Amino acid sequence: MAKPKLIDSVENNETIYDILSSWVFVLNTKFQNRQNACIVDSISIVNNVPKKIVMSISKKCLSAEFIKANPIFNLTAIGRDTPIDVLLDLGFDTGYKHNKMDHFPHKKLGRNQIFYIHSDYSLYYMECNSTDLIEEDDHYICIARIMSITELHPEIKPLSFHYYLKNIQPIIIKKLPQEQRCTVCGYIHQGSTPPAVCPVCGQPQEYFKPHVAYIKK
């Protein structure tokens, strides 16, 4: 495994534009003595000097609550060869049930004492500090300053959200509990076949679509 290489100048380095082009990241957060992780993909640059990003995170995610309490977090850009089980554990399991990072093997403490993903499928990790958290429907919009960027394996192909949707999500859906969601009212039906009529709003079966569920543990 290559030795991590700190990129000294965040403000004058163009690597940041390569990293944040619709890549998929692991978001690591910390509150008191507990750490959490989840998968995020909606990240864009919003300011040049100092370098700032905007990130969307679901209000249902424990990491959102952690950022509200502690604004420091890490983002690890991951590659196409990230194991499916890693995406399942960090992206679809819920931190409210148990501590995801307790037994996660591919982790290392950053300089800010928060974990990042240290593995052969990690490209870069960034230490960030949230400066604003804005409520927007079912998500928070987090604005954060990038404090540092560290190279891990910049030579590997990044996992883009487009690649994930086309090549990985179909595999993940087969591994997850089967649910059907009414596109009108949001009712969730357990099972691979939707009901003939939505019991909440009365819409017919064709208004249901497969819904990606969290793993229940």
N, C-alpha and C. Protein backbone atom coordinates (compact mmCIF):
# COMPACT_ATOMS: atom_id res chain seq x y z
N MET A 1 0.84 -1.19 0.00
CA MET A 1 0.00 0.00 0.00
C MET A 1 0.88 1.25 0.00
N ALA A 2 0.54 2.21 -0.86
CA ALA A 2 1.33 3.43 -0.98
C ALA A 2 1.23 4.26 0.30
N LYS A 3 2.32 4.96 0.61
CA LYS A 3 2.33 5.84 1.78
C LYS A 3 1.53 7.10 1.48
N PRO A 4 0.63 7.51 2.41
CA PRO A 4 -0.15 8.73 2.18
C PRO A 4 0.75 9.94 1.96
N LYS A 5 0.38 10.78 1.01
CA LYS A 5 1.17 11.97 0.68
C LYS A 5 0.30 13.21 0.83
N LEU A 6 0.66 14.06 1.78
CA LEU A 6 -0.10 15.28 2.03
C LEU A 6 0.15 16.30 0.92
N ILE A 7 -0.94 16.84 0.37
CA ILE A 7 -0.82 17.92 -0.61
C ILE A 7 -0.74 19.22 0.17
N ASP A 8 0.39 19.89 0.08
CA ASP A 8 0.67 21.02 0.96
C ASP A 8 -0.27 22.21 0.74
N SER A 9 -0.46 22.60 -0.49
CA SER A 9 -1.24 23.80 -0.76
C SER A 9 -2.62 23.45 -1.29
N VAL A 10 -3.63 23.62 -0.46
CA VAL A 10 -5.00 23.37 -0.89
C VAL A 10 -5.47 24.46 -1.85
N GLU A 11 -5.12 25.70 -1.54
CA GLU A 11 -5.65 26.83 -2.30
C GLU A 11 -5.15 26.89 -3.74
N ASN A 12 -3.92 26.42 -3.98
CA ASN A 12 -3.31 26.57 -5.30
C ASN A 12 -3.17 25.25 -6.05
N ASN A 13 -3.88 24.23 -5.61
CA ASN A 13 -3.76 22.93 -6.24
C ASN A 13 -5.02 22.59 -7.01
N GLU A 14 -4.87 22.18 -8.27
CA GLU A 14 -6.01 21.90 -9.14
C GLU A 14 -6.60 20.51 -8.91
N THR A 15 -5.94 19.69 -8.08
CA THR A 15 -6.44 18.34 -7.82
C THR A 15 -7.87 18.36 -7.31
N ILE A 16 -8.21 19.40 -6.58
CA ILE A 16 -9.54 19.48 -5.98
C ILE A 16 -10.64 19.40 -7.03
N TYR A 17 -10.39 19.93 -8.22
CA TYR A 17 -11.42 19.91 -9.27
C TYR A 17 -11.60 18.52 -9.86
N ASP A 18 -10.53 17.73 -9.84
CA ASP A 18 -10.64 16.34 -10.27
C ASP A 18 -11.40 15.52 -9.24
N ILE A 19 -11.13 15.76 -7.97
CA ILE A 19 -11.73 14.97 -6.90
C ILE A 19 -13.24 15.17 -6.84
N LEU A 20 -13.70 16.38 -7.04
CA LEU A 20 -15.09 16.70 -6.79
C LEU A 20 -15.99 16.71 -8.02
N SER A 21 -15.60 15.98 -9.06
CA SER A 21 -16.43 15.91 -10.27
C SER A 21 -17.40 14.73 -10.18
N SER A 22 -18.42 14.88 -9.33
CA SER A 22 -19.48 13.88 -9.17
C SER A 22 -18.94 12.53 -8.73
N TRP A 23 -17.94 12.55 -7.89
CA TRP A 23 -17.42 11.32 -7.33
C TRP A 23 -18.27 10.89 -6.13
N VAL A 24 -18.10 9.64 -5.74
CA VAL A 24 -18.74 9.11 -4.54
C VAL A 24 -17.73 9.13 -3.40
N PHE A 25 -18.19 9.55 -2.22
CA PHE A 25 -17.31 9.70 -1.07
C PHE A 25 -17.87 8.96 0.14
N VAL A 26 -16.96 8.60 1.05
CA VAL A 26 -17.36 8.19 2.38
C VAL A 26 -17.19 9.40 3.29
N LEU A 27 -18.26 9.75 3.99
CA LEU A 27 -18.25 10.85 4.94
C LEU A 27 -18.08 10.28 6.34
N ASN A 28 -17.00 10.68 7.01
CA ASN A 28 -16.75 10.26 8.39
C ASN A 28 -16.95 11.44 9.33
N THR A 29 -17.72 11.20 10.39
CA THR A 29 -18.04 12.24 11.36
C THR A 29 -17.79 11.73 12.77
N LYS A 30 -17.77 12.66 13.72
CA LYS A 30 -17.51 12.29 15.12
C LYS A 30 -18.30 13.20 16.05
N PHE A 31 -18.87 12.60 17.10
CA PHE A 31 -19.49 13.37 18.17
C PHE A 31 -19.12 12.70 19.49
N GLN A 32 -18.47 13.48 20.35
CA GLN A 32 -17.94 12.95 21.61
C GLN A 32 -17.02 11.78 21.31
N ASN A 33 -17.29 10.59 21.84
CA ASN A 33 -16.38 9.46 21.62
C ASN A 33 -16.88 8.49 20.55
N ARG A 34 -17.93 8.88 19.82
CA ARG A 34 -18.48 7.98 18.81
C ARG A 34 -18.25 8.52 17.41
N GLN A 35 -17.93 7.61 16.49
CA GLN A 35 -17.73 7.99 15.09
C GLN A 35 -18.75 7.28 14.21
N ASN A 36 -19.05 7.92 13.08
CA ASN A 36 -20.01 7.36 12.14
C ASN A 36 -19.52 7.56 10.72
N ALA A 37 -20.14 6.84 9.79
CA ALA A 37 -19.78 6.98 8.38
C ALA A 37 -21.01 6.76 7.52
N CYS A 38 -21.04 7.41 6.37
CA CYS A 38 -22.11 7.21 5.40
C CYS A 38 -21.55 7.52 4.01
N ILE A 39 -22.35 7.27 2.98
CA ILE A 39 -21.96 7.53 1.61
C ILE A 39 -22.64 8.80 1.11
N VAL A 40 -21.86 9.70 0.48
CA VAL A 40 -22.42 10.92 -0.10
C VAL A 40 -21.88 11.08 -1.52
N ASP A 41 -22.63 11.82 -2.34
CA ASP A 41 -22.18 12.04 -3.72
C ASP A 41 -22.47 13.45 -4.22
N SER A 42 -23.34 14.18 -3.53
CA SER A 42 -23.72 15.52 -4.01
C SER A 42 -22.79 16.57 -3.42
N ILE A 43 -21.63 16.75 -4.04
CA ILE A 43 -20.62 17.68 -3.55
C ILE A 43 -20.14 18.57 -4.70
N SER A 44 -20.06 19.86 -4.44
CA SER A 44 -19.58 20.81 -5.45
C SER A 44 -18.71 21.88 -4.77
N ILE A 45 -17.84 22.49 -5.56
CA ILE A 45 -17.04 23.61 -5.08
C ILE A 45 -17.86 24.89 -5.16
N VAL A 46 -17.86 25.68 -4.08
CA VAL A 46 -18.63 26.92 -4.08
C VAL A 46 -17.77 28.15 -3.83
N ASN A 47 -16.51 27.97 -3.48
CA ASN A 47 -15.63 29.12 -3.25
C ASN A 47 -14.20 28.71 -3.53
N ASN A 48 -13.43 29.63 -4.13
CA ASN A 48 -12.07 29.31 -4.53
C ASN A 48 -11.05 29.57 -3.43
N VAL A 49 -11.06 30.76 -2.85
CA VAL A 49 -10.13 31.11 -1.78
C VAL A 49 -10.91 31.73 -0.63
N PRO A 50 -11.02 31.04 0.51
CA PRO A 50 -10.55 29.67 0.74
C PRO A 50 -11.43 28.64 0.01
N LYS A 51 -10.86 27.46 -0.22
CA LYS A 51 -11.62 26.40 -0.90
C LYS A 51 -12.78 25.95 -0.02
N LYS A 52 -13.99 26.06 -0.57
CA LYS A 52 -15.17 25.62 0.14
C LYS A 52 -16.01 24.72 -0.76
N ILE A 53 -16.69 23.77 -0.12
CA ILE A 53 -17.57 22.85 -0.85
C ILE A 53 -18.98 22.98 -0.29
N VAL A 54 -19.94 22.52 -1.08
CA VAL A 54 -21.31 22.37 -0.60
C VAL A 54 -21.67 20.90 -0.74
N MET A 55 -22.27 20.35 0.29
CA MET A 55 -22.56 18.92 0.35
C MET A 55 -23.99 18.72 0.82
N SER A 56 -24.70 17.82 0.18
CA SER A 56 -26.06 17.48 0.57
C SER A 56 -26.04 16.19 1.38
N ILE A 57 -26.76 16.21 2.53
CA ILE A 57 -26.80 15.03 3.39
C ILE A 57 -28.20 14.87 3.96
N SER A 58 -28.72 13.67 3.93
CA SER A 58 -30.08 13.39 4.37
C SER A 58 -30.24 13.69 5.86
N LYS A 59 -31.40 14.26 6.21
CA LYS A 59 -31.70 14.51 7.61
C LYS A 59 -31.85 13.21 8.40
N LYS A 60 -32.12 12.11 7.71
CA LYS A 60 -32.27 10.82 8.37
C LYS A 60 -30.93 10.21 8.77
N CYS A 61 -29.86 10.77 8.25
CA CYS A 61 -28.52 10.21 8.47
C CYS A 61 -27.95 10.69 9.80
N LEU A 62 -27.40 9.78 10.58
CA LEU A 62 -26.81 10.13 11.87
C LEU A 62 -25.66 11.11 11.70
N SER A 63 -24.94 11.03 10.59
CA SER A 63 -23.81 11.94 10.36
C SER A 63 -24.27 13.39 10.30
N ALA A 64 -25.49 13.63 9.84
CA ALA A 64 -26.02 15.00 9.83
C ALA A 64 -26.14 15.54 11.25
N GLU A 65 -26.60 14.69 12.17
CA GLU A 65 -26.70 15.10 13.57
C GLU A 65 -25.32 15.34 14.17
N PHE A 66 -24.36 14.52 13.77
CA PHE A 66 -23.00 14.69 14.28
C PHE A 66 -22.40 16.01 13.81
N ILE A 67 -22.62 16.36 12.53
CA ILE A 67 -22.07 17.61 12.00
C ILE A 67 -22.71 18.82 12.69
N LYS A 68 -23.98 18.70 13.04
CA LYS A 68 -24.63 19.79 13.78
C LYS A 68 -23.95 20.02 15.12
N ALA A 69 -23.46 18.94 15.74
CA ALA A 69 -22.83 19.05 17.05
C ALA A 69 -21.32 19.30 16.97
N ASN A 70 -20.69 18.77 15.92
CA ASN A 70 -19.23 18.90 15.74
C ASN A 70 -18.97 19.14 14.26
N PRO A 71 -18.53 20.34 13.86
CA PRO A 71 -18.44 20.69 12.44
C PRO A 71 -17.28 20.05 11.68
N ILE A 72 -16.41 19.34 12.35
CA ILE A 72 -15.23 18.75 11.70
C ILE A 72 -15.59 17.37 11.14
N PHE A 73 -15.19 17.11 9.89
CA PHE A 73 -15.45 15.81 9.28
C PHE A 73 -14.41 15.51 8.20
N ASN A 74 -14.38 14.26 7.76
CA ASN A 74 -13.49 13.82 6.68
C ASN A 74 -14.29 13.25 5.53
N LEU A 75 -13.76 13.44 4.31
CA LEU A 75 -14.34 12.85 3.11
C LEU A 75 -13.27 12.02 2.41
N THR A 76 -13.59 10.77 2.10
CA THR A 76 -12.67 9.91 1.36
C THR A 76 -13.26 9.60 -0.01
N ALA A 77 -12.55 9.96 -1.07
CA ALA A 77 -12.97 9.61 -2.42
C ALA A 77 -12.61 8.14 -2.66
N ILE A 78 -13.59 7.35 -3.11
CA ILE A 78 -13.37 5.91 -3.28
C ILE A 78 -13.43 5.51 -4.75
N GLY A 79 -12.84 4.36 -5.06
CA GLY A 79 -12.70 3.91 -6.43
C GLY A 79 -13.76 2.92 -6.88
N ARG A 80 -13.72 2.60 -8.15
CA ARG A 80 -14.69 1.68 -8.75
C ARG A 80 -14.61 0.28 -8.15
N ASP A 81 -13.43 -0.08 -7.62
CA ASP A 81 -13.25 -1.43 -7.08
C ASP A 81 -13.62 -1.52 -5.60
N THR A 82 -14.28 -0.50 -5.08
CA THR A 82 -14.75 -0.57 -3.70
C THR A 82 -15.68 -1.78 -3.54
N PRO A 83 -15.42 -2.65 -2.56
CA PRO A 83 -16.27 -3.85 -2.40
C PRO A 83 -17.74 -3.49 -2.16
N ILE A 84 -18.61 -4.30 -2.72
CA ILE A 84 -20.04 -4.08 -2.55
C ILE A 84 -20.41 -4.06 -1.07
N ASP A 85 -19.80 -4.94 -0.28
CA ASP A 85 -20.13 -5.01 1.15
C ASP A 85 -19.78 -3.72 1.87
N VAL A 86 -18.75 -3.01 1.41
CA VAL A 86 -18.40 -1.72 2.02
C VAL A 86 -19.51 -0.70 1.75
N LEU A 87 -19.99 -0.67 0.51
CA LEU A 87 -21.08 0.25 0.16
C LEU A 87 -22.36 -0.09 0.92
N LEU A 88 -22.61 -1.37 1.11
CA LEU A 88 -23.79 -1.78 1.88
C LEU A 88 -23.66 -1.37 3.34
N ASP A 89 -22.52 -1.67 3.94
CA ASP A 89 -22.32 -1.40 5.37
C ASP A 89 -22.35 0.10 5.67
N LEU A 90 -21.69 0.89 4.83
CA LEU A 90 -21.57 2.31 5.12
C LEU A 90 -22.70 3.13 4.51
N GLY A 91 -23.28 2.65 3.43
CA GLY A 91 -24.28 3.44 2.73
C GLY A 91 -25.72 3.08 3.01
N PHE A 92 -25.99 1.83 3.38
CA PHE A 92 -27.37 1.40 3.53
C PHE A 92 -27.71 0.90 4.93
N ASP A 93 -26.70 0.62 5.73
CA ASP A 93 -26.94 0.33 7.13
C ASP A 93 -27.06 1.65 7.87
N THR A 94 -27.73 1.66 9.00
CA THR A 94 -27.95 2.91 9.71
C THR A 94 -27.12 3.00 10.99
N GLY A 95 -26.49 4.15 11.19
CA GLY A 95 -25.67 4.36 12.37
C GLY A 95 -26.47 4.48 13.65
N TYR A 96 -27.78 4.65 13.54
CA TYR A 96 -28.62 4.72 14.74
C TYR A 96 -28.72 3.37 15.44
N LYS A 97 -28.52 2.29 14.67
CA LYS A 97 -28.65 0.95 15.24
C LYS A 97 -27.38 0.49 15.95
N HIS A 98 -26.22 0.80 15.37
CA HIS A 98 -24.96 0.37 15.96
C HIS A 98 -23.84 1.23 15.38
N ASN A 99 -22.67 1.13 15.97
CA ASN A 99 -21.52 1.91 15.52
C ASN A 99 -20.88 1.23 14.30
N LYS A 100 -21.05 1.83 13.14
CA LYS A 100 -20.54 1.23 11.90
C LYS A 100 -19.02 1.07 11.91
N MET A 101 -18.32 1.99 12.58
CA MET A 101 -16.86 2.00 12.49
C MET A 101 -16.18 1.09 13.49
N ASP A 102 -16.92 0.51 14.42
CA ASP A 102 -16.29 -0.32 15.47
C ASP A 102 -15.47 -1.45 14.87
N HIS A 103 -16.04 -2.14 13.91
CA HIS A 103 -15.37 -3.32 13.35
C HIS A 103 -15.01 -3.14 11.88
N PHE A 104 -15.06 -1.90 11.40
CA PHE A 104 -14.70 -1.65 10.00
C PHE A 104 -13.18 -1.72 9.87
N PRO A 105 -12.65 -2.59 9.00
CA PRO A 105 -11.20 -2.83 8.98
C PRO A 105 -10.37 -1.76 8.28
N HIS A 106 -10.93 -1.07 7.28
CA HIS A 106 -10.12 -0.18 6.43
C HIS A 106 -10.26 1.27 6.89
N LYS A 107 -9.73 1.57 8.05
CA LYS A 107 -9.86 2.92 8.61
C LYS A 107 -8.54 3.34 9.25
N LYS A 108 -8.38 4.65 9.31
CA LYS A 108 -7.21 5.23 9.96
C LYS A 108 -7.59 6.61 10.49
N LEU A 109 -7.04 6.98 11.62
CA LEU A 109 -7.33 8.28 12.19
C LEU A 109 -6.62 9.38 11.41
N GLY A 110 -7.36 10.42 11.04
CA GLY A 110 -6.75 11.58 10.41
C GLY A 110 -6.11 12.49 11.45
N ARG A 111 -5.53 13.56 10.97
CA ARG A 111 -4.88 14.51 11.90
C ARG A 111 -5.91 15.18 12.81
N ASN A 112 -7.17 15.17 12.39
CA ASN A 112 -8.23 15.76 13.21
C ASN A 112 -8.89 14.74 14.15
N GLN A 113 -8.28 13.54 14.23
CA GLN A 113 -8.77 12.47 15.12
C GLN A 113 -10.12 11.91 14.69
N ILE A 114 -10.43 12.05 13.41
CA ILE A 114 -11.61 11.43 12.83
C ILE A 114 -11.14 10.42 11.79
N PHE A 115 -11.81 9.29 11.70
CA PHE A 115 -11.40 8.26 10.76
C PHE A 115 -11.56 8.72 9.31
N TYR A 116 -10.74 8.15 8.46
CA TYR A 116 -10.97 8.18 7.02
C TYR A 116 -10.76 6.77 6.51
N ILE A 117 -11.17 6.50 5.26
CA ILE A 117 -11.08 5.15 4.71
C ILE A 117 -9.70 4.97 4.10
N HIS A 118 -8.90 4.11 4.70
CA HIS A 118 -7.52 3.88 4.30
C HIS A 118 -7.41 2.49 3.69
N SER A 119 -7.48 2.42 2.36
CA SER A 119 -7.51 1.14 1.67
C SER A 119 -7.00 1.29 0.25
N ASP A 120 -6.87 0.16 -0.43
CA ASP A 120 -6.43 0.17 -1.82
C ASP A 120 -7.47 0.80 -2.74
N TYR A 121 -8.70 0.98 -2.28
CA TYR A 121 -9.72 1.61 -3.11
C TYR A 121 -9.95 3.07 -2.74
N SER A 122 -9.07 3.67 -1.94
CA SER A 122 -9.19 5.08 -1.55
C SER A 122 -8.26 5.94 -2.40
N LEU A 123 -8.81 7.01 -3.01
CA LEU A 123 -8.00 7.89 -3.84
C LEU A 123 -7.39 9.04 -3.04
N TYR A 124 -8.25 9.79 -2.35
CA TYR A 124 -7.83 10.95 -1.56
C TYR A 124 -8.70 11.00 -0.31
N TYR A 125 -8.19 11.68 0.71
CA TYR A 125 -9.11 12.05 1.77
C TYR A 125 -8.91 13.51 2.10
N MET A 126 -10.00 14.17 2.48
CA MET A 126 -9.99 15.60 2.77
C MET A 126 -10.51 15.84 4.18
N GLU A 127 -9.81 16.68 4.93
CA GLU A 127 -10.28 17.12 6.23
C GLU A 127 -11.03 18.43 6.04
N CYS A 128 -12.24 18.50 6.57
CA CYS A 128 -13.13 19.64 6.31
C CYS A 128 -13.70 20.19 7.62
N ASN A 129 -14.14 21.44 7.55
CA ASN A 129 -14.75 22.10 8.69
C ASN A 129 -16.03 22.80 8.21
N SER A 130 -17.18 22.35 8.71
CA SER A 130 -18.45 22.94 8.31
C SER A 130 -18.57 24.37 8.82
N THR A 131 -18.99 25.27 7.93
CA THR A 131 -19.19 26.67 8.31
C THR A 131 -20.66 27.07 8.32
N ASP A 132 -21.50 26.24 7.70
CA ASP A 132 -22.93 26.54 7.69
C ASP A 132 -23.72 25.27 7.37
N LEU A 133 -24.88 25.13 7.99
CA LEU A 133 -25.75 23.97 7.76
C LEU A 133 -27.17 24.50 7.56
N ILE A 134 -27.67 24.31 6.34
CA ILE A 134 -28.95 24.91 5.95
C ILE A 134 -29.98 23.80 5.75
N GLU A 135 -31.16 23.97 6.33
CA GLU A 135 -32.23 23.00 6.14
C GLU A 135 -32.89 23.19 4.77
N GLU A 136 -33.05 22.07 4.05
CA GLU A 136 -33.68 22.13 2.72
C GLU A 136 -34.50 20.86 2.53
N ASP A 137 -35.80 20.96 2.82
CA ASP A 137 -36.71 19.81 2.71
C ASP A 137 -36.20 18.65 3.56
N ASP A 138 -35.90 17.50 2.92
CA ASP A 138 -35.47 16.33 3.70
C ASP A 138 -33.96 16.20 3.79
N HIS A 139 -33.22 17.24 3.41
CA HIS A 139 -31.77 17.22 3.47
C HIS A 139 -31.24 18.48 4.18
N TYR A 140 -30.00 18.36 4.61
CA TYR A 140 -29.24 19.54 5.02
C TYR A 140 -28.26 19.87 3.90
N ILE A 141 -28.07 21.16 3.68
CA ILE A 141 -27.02 21.63 2.78
C ILE A 141 -25.87 22.13 3.65
N CYS A 142 -24.77 21.42 3.58
CA CYS A 142 -23.61 21.73 4.41
C CYS A 142 -22.57 22.48 3.57
N ILE A 143 -22.17 23.65 4.03
CA ILE A 143 -21.07 24.40 3.42
C ILE A 143 -19.86 24.23 4.31
N ALA A 144 -18.74 23.84 3.73
CA ALA A 144 -17.57 23.52 4.55
C ALA A 144 -16.28 23.96 3.86
N ARG A 145 -15.31 24.30 4.69
CA ARG A 145 -13.98 24.65 4.19
C ARG A 145 -13.09 23.41 4.18
N ILE A 146 -12.37 23.23 3.08
CA ILE A 146 -11.41 22.13 2.99
C ILE A 146 -10.12 22.57 3.68
N MET A 147 -9.73 21.84 4.71
CA MET A 147 -8.54 22.21 5.48
C MET A 147 -7.28 21.54 4.95
N SER A 148 -7.43 20.34 4.39
CA SER A 148 -6.28 19.63 3.82
C SER A 148 -6.75 18.54 2.88
N ILE A 149 -5.88 18.15 1.95
CA ILE A 149 -6.12 17.04 1.04
C ILE A 149 -4.91 16.12 1.09
N THR A 150 -5.18 14.82 1.22
CA THR A 150 -4.10 13.84 1.28
C THR A 150 -4.27 12.81 0.18
N GLU A 151 -3.22 12.60 -0.62
CA GLU A 151 -3.23 11.56 -1.66
C GLU A 151 -3.07 10.19 -1.02
N LEU A 152 -3.88 9.25 -1.49
CA LEU A 152 -3.74 7.86 -1.07
C LEU A 152 -3.40 6.99 -2.28
N HIS A 153 -4.35 6.87 -3.22
CA HIS A 153 -4.11 6.14 -4.47
C HIS A 153 -4.73 6.94 -5.62
N PRO A 154 -4.14 8.05 -6.00
CA PRO A 154 -4.74 8.90 -7.03
C PRO A 154 -4.75 8.27 -8.41
N GLU A 155 -4.02 7.17 -8.59
CA GLU A 155 -3.93 6.54 -9.90
C GLU A 155 -5.13 5.65 -10.23
N ILE A 156 -5.93 5.27 -9.24
CA ILE A 156 -7.03 4.36 -9.53
C ILE A 156 -8.24 5.12 -10.05
N LYS A 157 -9.14 4.42 -10.72
CA LYS A 157 -10.32 5.06 -11.30
C LYS A 157 -11.33 5.37 -10.20
N PRO A 158 -11.80 6.61 -10.14
CA PRO A 158 -12.77 6.97 -9.10
C PRO A 158 -14.13 6.35 -9.38
N LEU A 159 -14.88 6.16 -8.31
CA LEU A 159 -16.26 5.72 -8.43
C LEU A 159 -17.14 6.95 -8.61
N SER A 160 -17.61 7.15 -9.82
CA SER A 160 -18.52 8.27 -10.08
C SER A 160 -19.95 7.83 -9.76
N PHE A 161 -20.80 8.79 -9.51
CA PHE A 161 -22.19 8.45 -9.23
C PHE A 161 -22.84 7.82 -10.46
N HIS A 162 -22.45 8.28 -11.63
CA HIS A 162 -22.97 7.71 -12.88
C HIS A 162 -22.60 6.24 -12.99
N TYR A 163 -21.34 5.91 -12.71
CA TYR A 163 -20.89 4.52 -12.77
C TYR A 163 -21.61 3.68 -11.72
N TYR A 164 -21.79 4.26 -10.53
CA TYR A 164 -22.49 3.56 -9.46
C TYR A 164 -23.92 3.19 -9.89
N LEU A 165 -24.64 4.16 -10.46
CA LEU A 165 -26.03 3.91 -10.85
C LEU A 165 -26.13 2.83 -11.92
N LYS A 166 -25.19 2.83 -12.85
CA LYS A 166 -25.26 1.92 -13.98
C LYS A 166 -24.76 0.52 -13.65
N ASN A 167 -23.69 0.43 -12.84
CA ASN A 167 -23.00 -0.85 -12.66
C ASN A 167 -23.12 -1.47 -11.26
N ILE A 168 -23.34 -0.65 -10.25
CA ILE A 168 -23.29 -1.16 -8.88
C ILE A 168 -24.66 -1.20 -8.22
N GLN A 169 -25.46 -0.15 -8.42
CA GLN A 169 -26.77 -0.11 -7.75
C GLN A 169 -27.64 -1.31 -8.10
N PRO A 170 -27.68 -1.80 -9.36
CA PRO A 170 -28.50 -2.99 -9.64
C PRO A 170 -28.09 -4.20 -8.82
N ILE A 171 -26.79 -4.34 -8.53
CA ILE A 171 -26.32 -5.46 -7.71
C ILE A 171 -26.75 -5.27 -6.26
N ILE A 172 -26.64 -4.02 -5.78
CA ILE A 172 -27.00 -3.73 -4.39
C ILE A 172 -28.49 -3.95 -4.15
N ILE A 173 -29.31 -3.53 -5.10
CA ILE A 173 -30.77 -3.67 -4.93
C ILE A 173 -31.15 -5.13 -4.72
N LYS A 174 -30.46 -6.05 -5.42
CA LYS A 174 -30.75 -7.47 -5.27
C LYS A 174 -30.40 -7.99 -3.88
N LYS A 175 -29.46 -7.32 -3.22
CA LYS A 175 -29.02 -7.75 -1.90
C LYS A 175 -29.84 -7.14 -0.76
N LEU A 176 -30.63 -6.11 -1.06
CA LEU A 176 -31.35 -5.39 -0.03
C LEU A 176 -32.77 -5.94 0.15
N PRO A 177 -33.36 -5.67 1.31
CA PRO A 177 -34.77 -6.05 1.50
C PRO A 177 -35.65 -5.42 0.42
N GLN A 178 -36.62 -6.17 -0.05
CA GLN A 178 -37.49 -5.69 -1.12
C GLN A 178 -38.62 -4.82 -0.56
N GLU A 179 -38.73 -3.61 -1.09
CA GLU A 179 -39.81 -2.70 -0.72
C GLU A 179 -40.32 -2.02 -1.97
N GLN A 180 -41.57 -1.59 -1.94
CA GLN A 180 -42.18 -0.85 -3.03
C GLN A 180 -42.72 0.47 -2.47
N ARG A 181 -42.46 1.57 -3.18
CA ARG A 181 -42.85 2.90 -2.69
C ARG A 181 -43.88 3.55 -3.61
N CYS A 182 -44.94 4.07 -3.00
CA CYS A 182 -45.94 4.82 -3.77
C CYS A 182 -45.35 6.18 -4.12
N THR A 183 -45.32 6.50 -5.40
CA THR A 183 -44.71 7.75 -5.85
C THR A 183 -45.60 8.97 -5.59
N VAL A 184 -46.84 8.73 -5.17
CA VAL A 184 -47.76 9.84 -4.90
C VAL A 184 -47.69 10.28 -3.44
N CYS A 185 -47.85 9.33 -2.51
CA CYS A 185 -47.89 9.69 -1.09
C CYS A 185 -46.68 9.23 -0.30
N GLY A 186 -45.83 8.36 -0.89
CA GLY A 186 -44.63 7.91 -0.19
C GLY A 186 -44.81 6.67 0.66
N TYR A 187 -45.99 6.06 0.63
CA TYR A 187 -46.24 4.84 1.42
C TYR A 187 -45.27 3.74 0.99
N ILE A 188 -44.68 3.03 1.99
CA ILE A 188 -43.75 1.94 1.74
C ILE A 188 -44.44 0.61 1.98
N HIS A 189 -44.42 -0.24 0.96
CA HIS A 189 -45.01 -1.58 1.05
C HIS A 189 -43.88 -2.61 1.11
N GLN A 190 -43.93 -3.49 2.10
CA GLN A 190 -42.92 -4.53 2.24
C GLN A 190 -43.20 -5.65 1.25
N GLY A 191 -42.17 -6.04 0.48
CA GLY A 191 -42.33 -7.13 -0.47
C GLY A 191 -41.94 -6.72 -1.87
N SER A 192 -41.75 -7.72 -2.72
CA SER A 192 -41.27 -7.47 -4.08
C SER A 192 -42.39 -7.09 -5.04
N THR A 193 -43.65 -7.31 -4.65
CA THR A 193 -44.80 -6.99 -5.51
C THR A 193 -45.65 -5.92 -4.84
N PRO A 194 -45.94 -4.82 -5.52
CA PRO A 194 -46.75 -3.76 -4.92
C PRO A 194 -48.21 -4.19 -4.78
N PRO A 195 -48.94 -3.56 -3.85
CA PRO A 195 -50.37 -3.89 -3.72
C PRO A 195 -51.16 -3.40 -4.92
N ALA A 196 -52.35 -3.93 -5.10
CA ALA A 196 -53.19 -3.52 -6.23
C ALA A 196 -53.58 -2.05 -6.12
N VAL A 197 -53.79 -1.60 -4.88
CA VAL A 197 -54.17 -0.21 -4.62
C VAL A 197 -53.42 0.27 -3.39
N CYS A 198 -52.91 1.49 -3.41
CA CYS A 198 -52.22 2.05 -2.25
C CYS A 198 -53.23 2.22 -1.11
N PRO A 199 -52.94 1.65 0.07
CA PRO A 199 -53.90 1.75 1.18
C PRO A 199 -54.00 3.15 1.78
N VAL A 200 -53.07 4.04 1.42
CA VAL A 200 -53.07 5.38 1.99
C VAL A 200 -53.80 6.38 1.08
N CYS A 201 -53.39 6.40 -0.21
CA CYS A 201 -53.96 7.42 -1.10
C CYS A 201 -54.86 6.84 -2.19
N GLY A 202 -54.91 5.50 -2.30
CA GLY A 202 -55.83 4.89 -3.24
C GLY A 202 -55.35 4.80 -4.68
N GLN A 203 -54.08 5.17 -4.94
CA GLN A 203 -53.58 5.09 -6.31
C GLN A 203 -53.35 3.64 -6.72
N PRO A 204 -53.52 3.33 -8.02
CA PRO A 204 -53.35 1.94 -8.49
C PRO A 204 -51.88 1.51 -8.48
N GLN A 205 -51.69 0.23 -8.74
CA GLN A 205 -50.39 -0.43 -8.63
C GLN A 205 -49.30 0.23 -9.46
N GLU A 206 -49.65 0.79 -10.62
CA GLU A 206 -48.63 1.33 -11.51
C GLU A 206 -47.92 2.57 -10.93
N TYR A 207 -48.45 3.12 -9.84
CA TYR A 207 -47.81 4.27 -9.21
C TYR A 207 -46.72 3.86 -8.21
N PHE A 208 -46.51 2.56 -8.06
CA PHE A 208 -45.46 2.07 -7.17
C PHE A 208 -44.17 1.81 -7.94
N LYS A 209 -43.03 2.10 -7.27
CA LYS A 209 -41.72 1.80 -7.84
C LYS A 209 -40.87 1.11 -6.78
N PRO A 210 -39.88 0.26 -7.21
CA PRO A 210 -38.98 -0.37 -6.23
C PRO A 210 -38.26 0.68 -5.41
N HIS A 211 -38.12 0.41 -4.13
CA HIS A 211 -37.51 1.35 -3.20
C HIS A 211 -36.31 0.68 -2.54
N VAL A 212 -35.17 1.40 -2.52
CA VAL A 212 -33.96 0.88 -1.88
C VAL A 212 -34.10 1.05 -0.38
N ALA A 213 -34.11 -0.06 0.34
CA ALA A 213 -34.33 -0.03 1.78
C ALA A 213 -33.01 -0.07 2.54
N TYR A 214 -33.05 0.42 3.77
CA TYR A 214 -31.93 0.24 4.66
C TYR A 214 -31.89 -1.20 5.14
N ILE A 215 -30.67 -1.69 5.40
CA ILE A 215 -30.55 -3.02 5.98
C ILE A 215 -31.01 -2.96 7.41
N LYS A 216 -31.85 -3.89 7.83
CA LYS A 216 -32.33 -3.91 9.21
C LYS A 216 -31.42 -4.84 10.02
N LYS A 217 -30.75 -4.27 11.00
CA LYS A 217 -29.88 -5.06 11.86
C LYS A 217 -30.24 -4.86 13.31
